[in-house]
Amino acid sequence: MASGADIRKGPVGPLIHRCSALRCQATGPRMQRCTRCNVARYCGPRHKYFYRSGHWRICRNIVNARVRFNEEHYRLRWAQLPANAFETNAGYFWEVESTRPYMCARLTLVKDVLLPLGTLDSVQEAHDHLRDMLRLSRMDTMGVRYVLPFIMLRLDIDQECYDFVKWWATNGADAGWGDLTLPHLDIRGADASEQPEFLLGEDTPLSFVVAVLLLKLKLLIDVLNTKVTRKVLSRRSLPIKLRAQIERAVVRSPLSANLCSRSYKTLSGIEQWLLPQVRKLGINITERDPRFMSDLFDPDEALAATAATLSGNPLGCANGSDGVILHSYPAWWSTDGVLGLLASARDLAARSSKPAAEDLLASQGHRENPLSHRIAEELQAKHGLSYLFEYLGYVVRDATYLGPWAERPSEVTSRLMAEA
């Protein structure tokens, strides 16, 4: 299993073809592939040759994992029992015991090799493997459904991600797994901006709530980027077409492609529509798993420990807190602006609690304690993590504020709370 550090690696921003050579920033679709693994690319023969020693071990692991997978595929394809398993048992593959080595080898290729590499080719290949595994085994005993939404978010297929999560959250429990004639993953074009009440029940898997939270934050960031870009461009004399091109360039999600045609008032309305939804989802996650947000801001220890815990698990796609942070963090890390927005809200919530923390220590006779300062900081940090979503609105307003730094909405709020 990849280490926490390996999982975290990768540039911020959308997945595009990049040169795999260390420190090379070249991008583009016409790069040369590694002819052995086909998921690493290079900007030219020089980098392909000189980085060969650094890529060799990764390349070998990919090739070996594919060999094991192909061996299991061949063994199952030509097995006598069950005969023609890929045709006759599609839909309930895992229920046939002889198919399980094949499914485990396929999942190992995805989670231990392709996803940690983090290139566009490797993540796309991982997505295709997992989608086909769900076709073969609808019941998803291996927990693929807990991983796939975050891969979709990394690939910016956000509509597919939302449709996928909504189907599992609303239909998955009553899908009638024994009847293959029933619809499966048949939701298309669901409204990703709708209220998230269907996710807020106690039985909803945590990974689904986290995935939709990240998706809605992604949409919110696109709205904020469009608003601030429009403010800046309003001070420049530019052709209308050029303005539209610039505004389209600052959004990431395909669901935000039409924001450039919306008025500023409409953008503000979308922002105010999304913000309460983000709060609901965030508070739901915080109440269900208080440790998740802490791990999200300081992930190294959690990722390393989780990777070690799941390394011996042949399924390895757990939906618990540890599994969710492991599988979701690359999507959080690569979605530009999201972690920064949440960190600002956390810091504002922590600062706002400083007077209360000091008063609490004074009332308990800790003021003379040499460790009182540290205790106060710990109380503030805990408050910041617990209440960051309540303070998110101030930070959202900060994001589009272009006035004096000291007059930002969050700073004004902090001063008023300190004076109260």
Protein backbone atom coordinates (compact mmCIF):
# COMPACT_ATOMS: atom_id res chain seq x y z
CA MET A 1 0.00 0.00 0.00
CA ALA A 2 1.23 3.49 -0.74
CA SER A 3 2.37 5.60 2.11
CA GLY A 4 0.60 8.72 3.26
CA ALA A 5 3.28 10.87 1.67
CA ASP A 6 2.90 9.08 -1.66
CA ILE A 7 -0.86 9.56 -1.62
CA ARG A 8 -0.56 13.27 -0.98
CA LYS A 9 1.78 13.97 -3.90
CA GLY A 10 0.45 15.76 -6.92
CA PRO A 11 -0.09 19.25 -8.25
CA VAL A 12 -3.02 21.40 -7.23
CA GLY A 13 -5.52 21.90 -10.01
CA PRO A 14 -7.16 19.76 -12.67
CA LEU A 15 -5.59 16.54 -13.84
CA ILE A 16 -3.82 17.19 -17.13
CA HIS A 17 -0.98 15.49 -18.94
CA ARG A 18 2.25 16.55 -17.24
CA CYS A 19 5.87 15.56 -17.64
CA SER A 20 6.74 12.99 -14.96
CA ALA A 21 10.34 14.18 -14.67
CA LEU A 22 11.18 15.73 -11.33
CA ARG A 23 10.66 19.53 -11.23
CA CYS A 24 9.58 19.68 -14.87
CA GLN A 25 6.45 21.80 -15.31
CA ALA A 26 5.75 20.95 -18.95
CA THR A 27 2.17 20.03 -19.85
CA GLY A 28 0.34 19.07 -23.01
CA PRO A 29 -1.44 16.19 -24.75
CA ARG A 30 1.41 15.22 -27.10
CA MET A 31 3.91 14.01 -24.54
CA GLN A 32 5.70 10.72 -24.96
CA ARG A 33 4.35 7.84 -22.91
CA CYS A 34 6.45 5.34 -21.05
CA THR A 35 6.17 2.34 -23.35
CA ARG A 36 6.04 -0.15 -20.45
CA CYS A 37 3.44 1.28 -18.07
CA ASN A 38 1.64 3.70 -20.45
CA VAL A 39 0.57 5.96 -17.57
CA ALA A 40 3.67 8.17 -17.21
CA ARG A 41 4.46 10.83 -19.80
CA TYR A 42 7.50 12.93 -20.66
CA CYS A 43 7.97 16.18 -22.51
CA GLY A 44 10.72 14.71 -24.67
CA PRO A 45 13.34 11.98 -25.10
CA ARG A 46 15.81 13.77 -22.85
CA HIS A 47 13.62 13.71 -19.74
CA LYS A 48 12.35 10.26 -20.62
CA TYR A 49 15.92 8.97 -20.65
CA PHE A 50 17.33 10.84 -17.65
CA TYR A 51 14.35 10.11 -15.39
CA ARG A 52 14.32 6.44 -16.28
CA SER A 53 16.08 5.42 -13.06
CA GLY A 54 13.57 7.35 -10.92
CA HIS A 55 10.59 5.88 -12.74
CA TRP A 56 11.88 2.32 -12.95
CA ARG A 57 10.54 1.08 -9.60
CA ILE A 58 7.09 2.61 -10.12
CA CYS A 59 6.97 1.26 -13.64
CA ARG A 60 7.93 -2.22 -12.45
CA ASN A 61 5.19 -2.19 -9.79
CA ILE A 62 2.59 -1.21 -12.38
CA VAL A 63 3.72 -3.88 -14.83
CA ASN A 64 3.81 -6.56 -12.13
CA ALA A 65 0.35 -5.64 -10.86
CA ARG A 66 -1.01 -5.81 -14.40
CA VAL A 67 0.64 -9.19 -14.92
CA ARG A 68 -1.04 -10.56 -11.79
CA PHE A 69 -4.36 -9.11 -12.88
CA ASN A 70 -4.02 -10.55 -16.40
CA GLU A 71 -3.09 -13.95 -14.99
CA GLU A 72 -6.25 -13.98 -12.88
CA HIS A 73 -8.27 -12.78 -15.86
CA TYR A 74 -6.89 -15.54 -18.06
CA ARG A 75 -7.44 -18.17 -15.36
CA LEU A 76 -11.04 -17.11 -14.87
CA ARG A 77 -11.75 -16.71 -18.57
CA TRP A 78 -10.77 -20.30 -19.31
CA ALA A 79 -12.00 -21.89 -16.11
CA GLN A 80 -14.46 -24.76 -16.36
CA LEU A 81 -16.41 -23.66 -13.29
CA PRO A 82 -17.98 -21.28 -13.74
CA ALA A 83 -17.93 -21.42 -17.51
CA ASN A 84 -18.06 -18.06 -19.32
CA ALA A 85 -18.08 -16.25 -15.98
CA PHE A 86 -17.75 -12.79 -17.53
CA GLU A 87 -20.96 -13.33 -19.47
CA THR A 88 -23.06 -15.60 -17.28
CA ASN A 89 -22.17 -14.17 -13.85
CA ALA A 90 -21.94 -10.46 -14.63
CA GLY A 91 -23.86 -8.57 -11.99
CA TYR A 92 -23.17 -10.91 -9.08
CA PHE A 93 -19.52 -11.77 -9.66
CA TRP A 94 -18.43 -11.71 -6.03
CA GLU A 95 -21.09 -14.25 -5.09
CA VAL A 96 -19.16 -16.82 -7.16
CA GLU A 97 -16.17 -17.63 -4.98
CA SER A 98 -13.82 -18.50 -7.84
CA THR A 99 -14.07 -14.91 -9.16
CA ARG A 100 -12.73 -13.32 -5.99
CA PRO A 101 -8.98 -13.65 -6.71
CA TYR A 102 -9.61 -11.84 -9.99
CA MET A 103 -11.55 -9.03 -8.29
CA CYS A 104 -8.92 -8.66 -5.56
CA ALA A 105 -6.10 -8.51 -8.10
CA ARG A 106 -7.98 -5.85 -10.02
CA LEU A 107 -8.62 -3.75 -6.92
CA THR A 108 -4.98 -4.09 -5.85
CA LEU A 109 -3.88 -2.74 -9.23
CA VAL A 110 -6.14 0.28 -8.71
CA LYS A 111 -5.58 1.21 -5.08
CA ASP A 112 -1.94 0.24 -4.61
CA VAL A 113 -0.46 1.28 -7.95
CA LEU A 114 -2.59 3.41 -10.26
CA LEU A 115 -4.15 5.85 -7.79
CA PRO A 116 -0.96 6.65 -5.84
CA LEU A 117 0.83 7.50 -9.11
CA GLY A 118 -1.73 10.25 -9.67
CA THR A 119 -1.27 10.97 -13.38
CA LEU A 120 -4.24 11.65 -15.62
CA ASP A 121 -3.70 8.34 -17.40
CA SER A 122 -3.41 6.31 -14.19
CA VAL A 123 -6.43 7.91 -12.52
CA GLN A 124 -8.53 7.48 -15.67
CA GLU A 125 -7.51 3.83 -15.89
CA ALA A 126 -8.40 3.36 -12.22
CA HIS A 127 -11.81 4.92 -12.85
CA ASP A 128 -12.47 2.57 -15.77
CA HIS A 129 -11.47 -0.48 -13.73
CA LEU A 130 -13.73 0.44 -10.82
CA ARG A 131 -16.72 1.20 -13.03
CA ASP A 132 -16.37 -2.18 -14.69
CA MET A 133 -16.03 -3.88 -11.31
CA LEU A 134 -19.39 -2.40 -10.34
CA ARG A 135 -20.86 -3.76 -13.55
CA LEU A 136 -19.57 -7.21 -12.68
CA SER A 137 -20.57 -7.06 -9.02
CA ARG A 138 -23.58 -4.81 -8.44
CA MET A 139 -23.75 -5.48 -4.72
CA ASP A 140 -20.25 -4.02 -4.39
CA THR A 141 -19.03 -6.15 -1.51
CA MET A 142 -15.57 -4.64 -2.00
CA GLY A 143 -16.69 -1.08 -1.27
CA VAL A 144 -15.76 0.42 -4.63
CA ARG A 145 -18.63 2.91 -4.26
CA TYR A 146 -16.80 4.60 -1.40
CA VAL A 147 -13.75 5.38 -3.56
CA LEU A 148 -15.16 6.13 -7.00
CA PRO A 149 -16.83 9.52 -6.26
CA PHE A 150 -13.49 11.05 -5.31
CA ILE A 151 -11.85 9.74 -8.47
CA MET A 152 -14.67 11.31 -10.48
CA LEU A 153 -14.07 14.63 -8.73
CA ARG A 154 -10.37 14.46 -9.57
CA LEU A 155 -11.27 13.83 -13.21
CA ASP A 156 -13.81 16.71 -13.12
CA ILE A 157 -16.71 14.49 -14.16
CA ASP A 158 -18.78 16.17 -11.49
CA GLN A 159 -22.23 15.43 -12.88
CA GLU A 160 -21.40 11.73 -13.05
CA CYS A 161 -20.14 11.92 -9.47
CA TYR A 162 -23.34 13.49 -8.18
CA ASP A 163 -25.56 11.07 -10.10
CA PHE A 164 -23.53 8.16 -8.75
CA VAL A 165 -23.74 9.30 -5.12
CA LYS A 166 -27.42 10.12 -5.34
CA TRP A 167 -28.27 6.69 -6.75
CA TRP A 168 -26.40 4.85 -4.01
CA ALA A 169 -27.76 7.13 -1.28
CA THR A 170 -31.38 6.90 -2.42
CA ASN A 171 -31.67 3.54 -4.21
CA GLY A 172 -28.69 1.47 -3.15
CA ALA A 173 -30.28 -0.07 -0.06
CA ASP A 174 -33.36 -1.25 -2.00
CA ALA A 175 -31.77 -2.16 -5.30
CA GLY A 176 -32.96 -5.78 -5.36
CA TRP A 177 -29.53 -7.23 -5.96
CA GLY A 178 -30.82 -10.63 -7.00
CA ASP A 179 -32.85 -9.23 -9.91
CA LEU A 180 -30.52 -8.03 -12.66
CA THR A 181 -33.44 -6.66 -14.68
CA LEU A 182 -33.89 -3.80 -12.20
CA PRO A 183 -32.28 -0.42 -12.99
CA HIS A 184 -28.73 0.05 -11.78
CA LEU A 185 -26.97 3.42 -11.52
CA ASP A 186 -29.64 4.89 -13.77
CA ILE A 187 -29.83 8.44 -12.38
CA ARG A 188 -28.73 10.95 -15.01
CA GLY A 189 -28.53 14.73 -14.85
CA ALA A 190 -29.58 15.18 -11.21
CA ASP A 191 -29.44 18.76 -9.94
CA ALA A 192 -26.12 19.06 -8.11
CA SER A 193 -27.26 22.33 -6.52
CA GLU A 194 -30.33 20.79 -4.86
CA GLN A 195 -30.74 20.62 -1.11
CA PRO A 196 -28.73 17.72 0.40
CA GLU A 197 -31.31 16.41 2.88
CA PHE A 198 -31.19 12.93 1.36
CA LEU A 199 -27.58 12.68 2.59
CA LEU A 200 -28.10 13.82 6.17
CA GLY A 201 -29.48 10.60 7.64
CA GLU A 202 -27.44 8.55 10.08
CA ASP A 203 -27.34 5.59 7.70
CA THR A 204 -25.80 7.52 4.80
CA PRO A 205 -22.17 6.47 4.30
CA LEU A 206 -19.76 9.17 5.42
CA SER A 207 -17.89 9.01 2.11
CA PHE A 208 -21.00 10.11 0.21
CA VAL A 209 -21.50 13.15 2.45
CA VAL A 210 -17.83 14.10 2.13
CA ALA A 211 -17.91 13.73 -1.67
CA VAL A 212 -20.96 15.97 -2.07
CA LEU A 213 -19.50 18.51 0.37
CA LEU A 214 -16.35 18.70 -1.75
CA LEU A 215 -18.42 18.98 -4.93
CA LYS A 216 -20.51 21.85 -3.56
CA LEU A 217 -17.40 23.61 -2.26
CA LYS A 218 -15.91 23.21 -5.72
CA LEU A 219 -18.97 24.91 -7.21
CA LEU A 220 -18.84 27.63 -4.55
CA ILE A 221 -15.18 28.34 -5.33
CA ASP A 222 -16.09 28.66 -9.02
CA VAL A 223 -18.76 31.23 -8.16
CA LEU A 224 -16.34 33.20 -5.97
CA ASN A 225 -13.63 33.12 -8.63
CA THR A 226 -16.09 34.37 -11.23
CA LYS A 227 -17.29 37.19 -8.99
CA VAL A 228 -13.84 38.46 -8.08
CA THR A 229 -12.66 38.14 -11.69
CA ARG A 230 -15.62 40.19 -12.85
CA LYS A 231 -14.84 42.85 -10.25
CA VAL A 232 -11.25 43.09 -11.43
CA LEU A 233 -12.20 43.11 -15.11
CA SER A 234 -14.73 45.88 -14.53
CA ARG A 235 -11.76 48.17 -13.92
CA ARG A 236 -10.29 47.32 -17.31
CA SER A 237 -11.41 48.16 -20.81
CA LEU A 238 -11.48 44.77 -22.51
CA PRO A 239 -13.53 43.27 -25.35
CA ILE A 240 -16.59 41.34 -24.21
CA LYS A 241 -15.37 38.09 -25.78
CA LEU A 242 -12.04 38.35 -24.00
CA ARG A 243 -13.81 38.98 -20.69
CA ALA A 244 -15.90 35.86 -21.21
CA GLN A 245 -12.81 33.80 -22.04
CA ILE A 246 -11.07 34.95 -18.86
CA GLU A 247 -14.12 34.17 -16.74
CA ARG A 248 -14.42 30.70 -18.26
CA ALA A 249 -10.75 30.09 -17.47
CA VAL A 250 -11.15 30.70 -13.72
CA VAL A 251 -13.79 27.99 -13.17
CA ARG A 252 -12.98 24.31 -12.94
CA SER A 253 -16.16 22.28 -12.77
CA PRO A 254 -18.02 21.59 -16.03
CA LEU A 255 -21.17 22.34 -14.02
CA SER A 256 -19.93 25.95 -13.73
CA ALA A 257 -19.34 26.46 -17.43
CA ASN A 258 -22.27 28.87 -17.83
CA LEU A 259 -21.38 31.17 -14.93
CA CYS A 260 -19.80 33.70 -17.28
CA SER A 261 -23.24 34.38 -18.78
CA ARG A 262 -24.86 35.06 -15.39
CA SER A 263 -25.27 38.52 -13.90
CA TYR A 264 -23.39 39.47 -10.75
CA LYS A 265 -26.66 39.47 -8.83
CA THR A 266 -27.41 35.94 -10.02
CA LEU A 267 -23.92 34.81 -9.01
CA SER A 268 -24.52 36.21 -5.53
CA GLY A 269 -27.81 34.32 -5.41
CA ILE A 270 -26.07 31.06 -6.34
CA GLU A 271 -23.49 31.74 -3.64
CA GLN A 272 -26.20 32.26 -1.02
CA TRP A 273 -27.95 29.10 -2.21
CA LEU A 274 -24.84 26.93 -1.95
CA LEU A 275 -23.49 28.30 1.33
CA PRO A 276 -26.22 26.89 3.64
CA GLN A 277 -25.91 23.52 1.90
CA VAL A 278 -22.18 23.46 2.57
CA ARG A 279 -22.86 24.33 6.21
CA LYS A 280 -25.39 21.50 6.57
CA LEU A 281 -23.05 18.93 5.08
CA GLY A 282 -20.03 20.17 7.01
CA ILE A 283 -21.86 20.21 10.34
CA ASN A 284 -23.21 16.73 9.61
CA ILE A 285 -19.66 15.44 9.04
CA THR A 286 -18.32 17.20 12.13
CA GLU A 287 -21.04 15.73 14.33
CA ARG A 288 -20.61 12.23 12.94
CA ASP A 289 -16.84 12.23 12.99
CA PRO A 290 -15.17 15.08 14.91
CA ARG A 291 -11.75 13.81 13.84
CA PHE A 292 -12.29 14.13 10.10
CA MET A 293 -11.71 17.88 9.79
CA SER A 294 -8.64 17.69 12.01
CA ASP A 295 -7.18 14.96 9.79
CA LEU A 296 -8.07 16.95 6.68
CA PHE A 297 -5.98 19.93 7.83
CA ASP A 298 -3.11 17.81 9.17
CA PRO A 299 -3.26 14.65 7.05
CA ASP A 300 0.23 13.18 7.07
CA GLU A 301 -0.04 11.13 10.25
CA ALA A 302 -3.61 10.04 9.51
CA LEU A 303 -2.79 9.02 5.94
CA ALA A 304 0.29 7.05 6.94
CA ALA A 305 -1.52 5.26 9.77
CA THR A 306 -4.54 4.51 7.60
CA ALA A 307 -2.45 3.21 4.72
CA ALA A 308 -0.66 0.85 7.10
CA THR A 309 -3.96 -0.29 8.63
CA LEU A 310 -5.58 -1.08 5.29
CA SER A 311 -2.50 -2.53 3.61
CA GLY A 312 -3.41 -6.08 4.63
CA ASN A 313 -7.07 -5.70 3.74
CA PRO A 314 -7.86 -7.32 0.39
CA LEU A 315 -10.93 -5.12 0.06
CA GLY A 316 -9.27 -1.95 1.35
CA CYS A 317 -12.11 0.45 0.51
CA ALA A 318 -13.45 1.03 4.00
CA ASN A 319 -16.13 3.65 4.56
CA GLY A 320 -15.04 4.48 8.11
CA SER A 321 -13.27 7.70 9.03
CA ASP A 322 -9.85 6.28 8.23
CA GLY A 323 -10.89 4.99 4.84
CA VAL A 324 -12.63 8.23 3.89
CA ILE A 325 -9.62 10.44 4.61
CA LEU A 326 -7.38 8.04 2.71
CA HIS A 327 -9.51 7.92 -0.41
CA SER A 328 -10.75 11.51 -0.40
CA TYR A 329 -7.60 13.47 0.39
CA PRO A 330 -6.13 13.53 -3.14
CA ALA A 331 -9.39 15.09 -4.36
CA TRP A 332 -9.32 17.70 -1.57
CA TRP A 333 -5.66 18.45 -2.21
CA SER A 334 -6.07 18.93 -5.95
CA THR A 335 -9.18 21.13 -5.75
CA ASP A 336 -7.65 24.58 -5.68
CA GLY A 337 -9.01 26.99 -3.07
CA VAL A 338 -11.13 24.58 -1.04
CA LEU A 339 -8.72 23.76 1.77
CA GLY A 340 -7.65 27.40 1.98
CA LEU A 341 -11.26 28.55 2.34
CA LEU A 342 -11.94 26.05 5.12
CA ALA A 343 -8.66 26.87 6.88
CA SER A 344 -9.55 30.57 6.91
CA ALA A 345 -12.94 29.77 8.44
CA ARG A 346 -11.26 27.56 11.05
CA ASP A 347 -8.80 30.32 11.97
CA LEU A 348 -11.56 32.91 12.24
CA ALA A 349 -13.60 30.62 14.49
CA ALA A 350 -10.52 30.05 16.66
CA ARG A 351 -9.76 33.78 16.95
CA SER A 352 -13.33 34.58 17.87
CA SER A 353 -13.14 32.18 20.82
CA LYS A 354 -10.00 33.74 22.32
CA PRO A 355 -11.78 36.01 24.85
CA ALA A 356 -14.06 33.17 25.97
CA ALA A 357 -11.10 30.81 26.37
CA GLU A 358 -9.19 33.34 28.45
CA ASP A 359 -12.23 34.04 30.64
CA LEU A 360 -12.75 30.32 31.17
CA LEU A 361 -9.18 29.84 32.30
CA ALA A 362 -9.41 32.85 34.60
CA SER A 363 -12.61 31.58 36.18
CA GLN A 364 -10.98 28.22 36.86
CA GLY A 365 -7.89 29.77 38.44
CA HIS A 366 -5.49 28.89 35.63
CA ARG A 367 -4.31 32.41 34.86
CA GLU A 368 -1.10 31.96 36.88
CA ASN A 369 -0.45 28.54 35.39
CA PRO A 370 2.65 28.71 33.15
CA LEU A 371 0.85 26.42 30.70
CA SER A 372 -2.29 28.56 30.56
CA HIS A 373 -1.27 30.08 27.23
CA ARG A 374 -0.95 26.64 25.67
CA ILE A 375 -4.25 25.51 27.19
CA ALA A 376 -5.96 28.59 25.73
CA GLU A 377 -4.52 27.85 22.29
CA GLU A 378 -5.74 24.27 22.47
CA LEU A 379 -9.23 25.44 23.42
CA GLN A 380 -9.22 27.89 20.52
CA ALA A 381 -8.03 25.25 18.07
CA LYS A 382 -10.74 22.87 19.21
CA HIS A 383 -13.36 25.59 18.85
CA GLY A 384 -12.06 26.44 15.38
CA LEU A 385 -12.47 22.87 14.16
CA SER A 386 -15.89 22.47 15.75
CA TYR A 387 -17.41 25.70 14.45
CA LEU A 388 -15.61 26.48 11.21
CA PHE A 389 -18.72 25.95 9.10
CA GLU A 390 -20.65 28.50 11.16
CA TYR A 391 -17.98 31.08 10.25
CA LEU A 392 -17.67 30.09 6.60
CA GLY A 393 -19.99 32.87 5.45
CA TYR A 394 -17.60 35.59 6.66
CA VAL A 395 -14.70 34.00 4.79
CA VAL A 396 -16.80 33.65 1.65
CA ARG A 397 -17.48 37.39 1.76
CA ASP A 398 -13.76 37.98 2.27
CA ALA A 399 -13.03 36.09 -0.94
CA THR A 400 -14.72 38.71 -3.12
CA TYR A 401 -13.78 41.76 -1.04
CA LEU A 402 -11.25 44.03 -2.75
CA GLY A 403 -11.14 46.87 -0.22
CA PRO A 404 -8.67 47.60 2.61
CA TRP A 405 -7.36 44.47 4.27
CA ALA A 406 -8.26 45.64 7.76
CA GLU A 407 -11.88 46.15 6.73
CA ARG A 408 -12.52 42.63 5.50
CA PRO A 409 -15.80 41.17 6.81
CA SER A 410 -13.93 38.60 8.89
CA GLU A 411 -11.73 41.26 10.51
CA VAL A 412 -14.71 43.45 11.31
CA THR A 413 -16.46 40.45 12.86
CA SER A 414 -13.40 39.58 14.95
CA ARG A 415 -13.17 43.12 16.31
CA LEU A 416 -16.85 43.26 17.16
CA MET A 417 -16.65 39.94 18.99
CA ALA A 418 -13.58 41.07 20.90
CA GLU A 419 -15.36 44.25 21.98
CA ALA A 420 -18.55 42.46 23.01
